[in-house]
Amino acid sequence: MRTIGILLTILLIILGIAFTALNAQSVELNYLLGSKQLPLAAVLLLSLTIGVVLTGFTLGFSLLKLKAKNKWLESKLKKTQDQLVHTQQ
């Protein structure tokens, strides 16, 4: 299993190098406070990174919300089960 991980890491590094080599031309990035010349590969990777981070935050908050609701439902279920046991006695 460890060998597969190492091979996948090497493959990703090779693909990253090829991606960078194929997208080496500079592009102008305009933002609110100015502009900057950057390699196209850097702009694409920066955009991908920002997208992954924002998606991670969104999914993280959703997961926290679902966990809180799950705990609330579990406590409600336990109370209902306790009431049922007391009613049957």
C-alpha atoms as a PDB file:
ATOM      1  CA  MET A   1       0.000   0.000   0.000  1.00  0.00           C
ATOM      2  CA  ARG A   2       2.826   2.379   0.832  1.00  0.00           C
ATOM      3  CA  THR A   3       4.414   1.759  -2.572  1.00  0.00           C
ATOM      4  CA  ILE A   4       1.181   2.738  -4.311  1.00  0.00           C
ATOM      5  CA  GLY A   5       1.097   5.989  -2.325  1.00  0.00           C
ATOM      6  CA  ILE A   6       4.685   6.778  -3.287  1.00  0.00           C
ATOM      7  CA  LEU A   7       3.987   6.021  -6.956  1.00  0.00           C
ATOM      8  CA  LEU A   8       0.866   8.209  -6.921  1.00  0.00           C
ATOM      9  CA  THR A   9       2.845  11.036  -5.311  1.00  0.00           C
ATOM     10  CA  ILE A  10       5.554  10.766  -7.968  1.00  0.00           C
ATOM     11  CA  LEU A  11       2.887  10.719 -10.703  1.00  0.00           C
ATOM     12  CA  LEU A  12       1.242  13.847  -9.272  1.00  0.00           C
ATOM     13  CA  ILE A  13       4.598  15.618  -9.129  1.00  0.00           C
ATOM     14  CA  ILE A  14       5.319  14.717 -12.764  1.00  0.00           C
ATOM     15  CA  LEU A  15       1.844  15.889 -13.813  1.00  0.00           C
ATOM     16  CA  GLY A  16       2.357  19.130 -11.883  1.00  0.00           C
ATOM     17  CA  ILE A  17       5.674  19.781 -13.591  1.00  0.00           C
ATOM     18  CA  ALA A  18       4.145  19.050 -17.011  1.00  0.00           C
ATOM     19  CA  PHE A  19       1.173  21.313 -16.213  1.00  0.00           C
ATOM     20  CA  THR A  20       3.500  24.134 -15.214  1.00  0.00           C
ATOM     21  CA  ALA A  21       5.660  23.677 -18.325  1.00  0.00           C
ATOM     22  CA  LEU A  22       2.629  23.712 -20.632  1.00  0.00           C
ATOM     23  CA  ASN A  23       1.191  26.849 -18.984  1.00  0.00           C
ATOM     24  CA  ALA A  24       4.332  28.934 -18.517  1.00  0.00           C
ATOM     25  CA  GLN A  25       3.142  32.084 -20.320  1.00  0.00           C
ATOM     26  CA  SER A  26       2.446  35.126 -18.182  1.00  0.00           C
ATOM     27  CA  VAL A  27      -0.994  36.613 -17.769  1.00  0.00           C
ATOM     28  CA  GLU A  28      -2.068  39.824 -16.126  1.00  0.00           C
ATOM     29  CA  LEU A  29      -4.152  39.324 -12.999  1.00  0.00           C
ATOM     30  CA  ASN A  30      -6.320  42.366 -12.230  1.00  0.00           C
ATOM     31  CA  TYR A  31      -7.687  42.686  -8.709  1.00  0.00           C
ATOM     32  CA  LEU A  32      -9.235  45.496  -6.679  1.00  0.00           C
ATOM     33  CA  LEU A  33      -5.993  47.112  -5.550  1.00  0.00           C
ATOM     34  CA  GLY A  34      -3.983  46.730  -8.734  1.00  0.00           C
ATOM     35  CA  SER A  35      -2.678  44.139 -11.140  1.00  0.00           C
ATOM     36  CA  LYS A  36       0.180  41.696 -11.338  1.00  0.00           C
ATOM     37  CA  GLN A  37       1.892  39.595 -14.000  1.00  0.00           C
ATOM     38  CA  LEU A  38       1.864  35.921 -13.017  1.00  0.00           C
ATOM     39  CA  PRO A  39       2.417  32.636 -14.833  1.00  0.00           C
ATOM     40  CA  LEU A  40      -0.850  31.095 -16.032  1.00  0.00           C
ATOM     41  CA  ALA A  41      -0.142  27.907 -14.060  1.00  0.00           C
ATOM     42  CA  ALA A  42       0.143  29.927 -10.840  1.00  0.00           C
ATOM     43  CA  VAL A  43      -3.160  31.723 -11.504  1.00  0.00           C
ATOM     44  CA  LEU A  44      -4.914  28.417 -12.220  1.00  0.00           C
ATOM     45  CA  LEU A  45      -3.471  26.736  -9.136  1.00  0.00           C
ATOM     46  CA  LEU A  46      -4.329  29.755  -6.986  1.00  0.00           C
ATOM     47  CA  SER A  47      -7.921  29.663  -8.258  1.00  0.00           C
ATOM     48  CA  LEU A  48      -8.123  25.933  -7.578  1.00  0.00           C
ATOM     49  CA  THR A  49      -6.723  26.391  -4.063  1.00  0.00           C
ATOM     50  CA  ILE A  50      -9.178  29.173  -3.241  1.00  0.00           C
ATOM     51  CA  GLY A  51     -12.048  27.028  -4.528  1.00  0.00           C
ATOM     52  CA  VAL A  52     -10.962  24.031  -2.455  1.00  0.00           C
ATOM     53  CA  VAL A  53     -10.585  26.140   0.702  1.00  0.00           C
ATOM     54  CA  LEU A  54     -13.979  27.820   0.280  1.00  0.00           C
ATOM     55  CA  THR A  55     -15.634  24.469  -0.424  1.00  0.00           C
ATOM     56  CA  GLY A  56     -13.938  22.997   2.651  1.00  0.00           C
ATOM     57  CA  PHE A  57     -15.258  25.812   4.845  1.00  0.00           C
ATOM     58  CA  THR A  58     -18.759  25.441   3.435  1.00  0.00           C
ATOM     59  CA  LEU A  59     -18.800  21.682   3.886  1.00  0.00           C
ATOM     60  CA  GLY A  60     -17.215  22.010   7.322  1.00  0.00           C
ATOM     61  CA  PHE A  61     -19.935  24.362   8.534  1.00  0.00           C
ATOM     62  CA  SER A  62     -22.607  22.110   7.055  1.00  0.00           C
ATOM     63  CA  LEU A  63     -21.070  19.114   8.783  1.00  0.00           C
ATOM     64  CA  LEU A  64     -20.999  20.909  12.131  1.00  0.00           C
ATOM     65  CA  LYS A  65     -24.638  21.890  11.702  1.00  0.00           C
ATOM     66  CA  LEU A  66     -25.624  18.299  10.874  1.00  0.00           C
ATOM     67  CA  LYS A  67     -23.678  16.936  13.856  1.00  0.00           C
ATOM     68  CA  ALA A  68     -25.460  19.364  16.185  1.00  0.00           C
ATOM     69  CA  LYS A  69     -28.843  18.354  14.759  1.00  0.00           C
ATOM     70  CA  ASN A  70     -27.893  14.673  15.115  1.00  0.00           C
ATOM     71  CA  LYS A  71     -27.061  15.171  18.810  1.00  0.00           C
ATOM     72  CA  TRP A  72     -30.351  17.003  19.334  1.00  0.00           C
ATOM     73  CA  LEU A  73     -32.290  14.206  17.627  1.00  0.00           C
ATOM     74  CA  GLU A  74     -30.460  11.547  19.651  1.00  0.00           C
ATOM     75  CA  SER A  75     -31.333  13.309  22.901  1.00  0.00           C
ATOM     76  CA  LYS A  76     -34.964  13.695  21.781  1.00  0.00           C
ATOM     77  CA  LEU A  77     -35.087   9.979  20.887  1.00  0.00           C
ATOM     78  CA  LYS A  78     -33.662   9.025  24.280  1.00  0.00           C
ATOM     79  CA  LYS A  79     -36.261  11.181  26.080  1.00  0.00           C
ATOM     80  CA  THR A  80     -39.043   9.639  23.989  1.00  0.00           C
ATOM     81  CA  GLN A  81     -37.776   6.119  24.720  1.00  0.00           C
ATOM     82  CA  ASP A  82     -37.587   6.909  28.454  1.00  0.00           C
ATOM     83  CA  GLN A  83     -41.156   8.239  28.382  1.00  0.00           C
ATOM     84  CA  LEU A  84     -42.305   5.083  26.570  1.00  0.00           C
ATOM     85  CA  VAL A  85     -40.644   2.858  29.172  1.00  0.00           C
ATOM     86  CA  HIS A  86     -42.269   4.811  32.035  1.00  0.00           C
ATOM     87  CA  THR A  87     -45.657   4.699  30.293  1.00  0.00           C
ATOM     88  CA  GLN A  88     -45.495   0.903  29.877  1.00  0.00           C
ATOM     89  CA  GLN A  89     -44.709   0.329  33.572  1.00  0.00           C
END
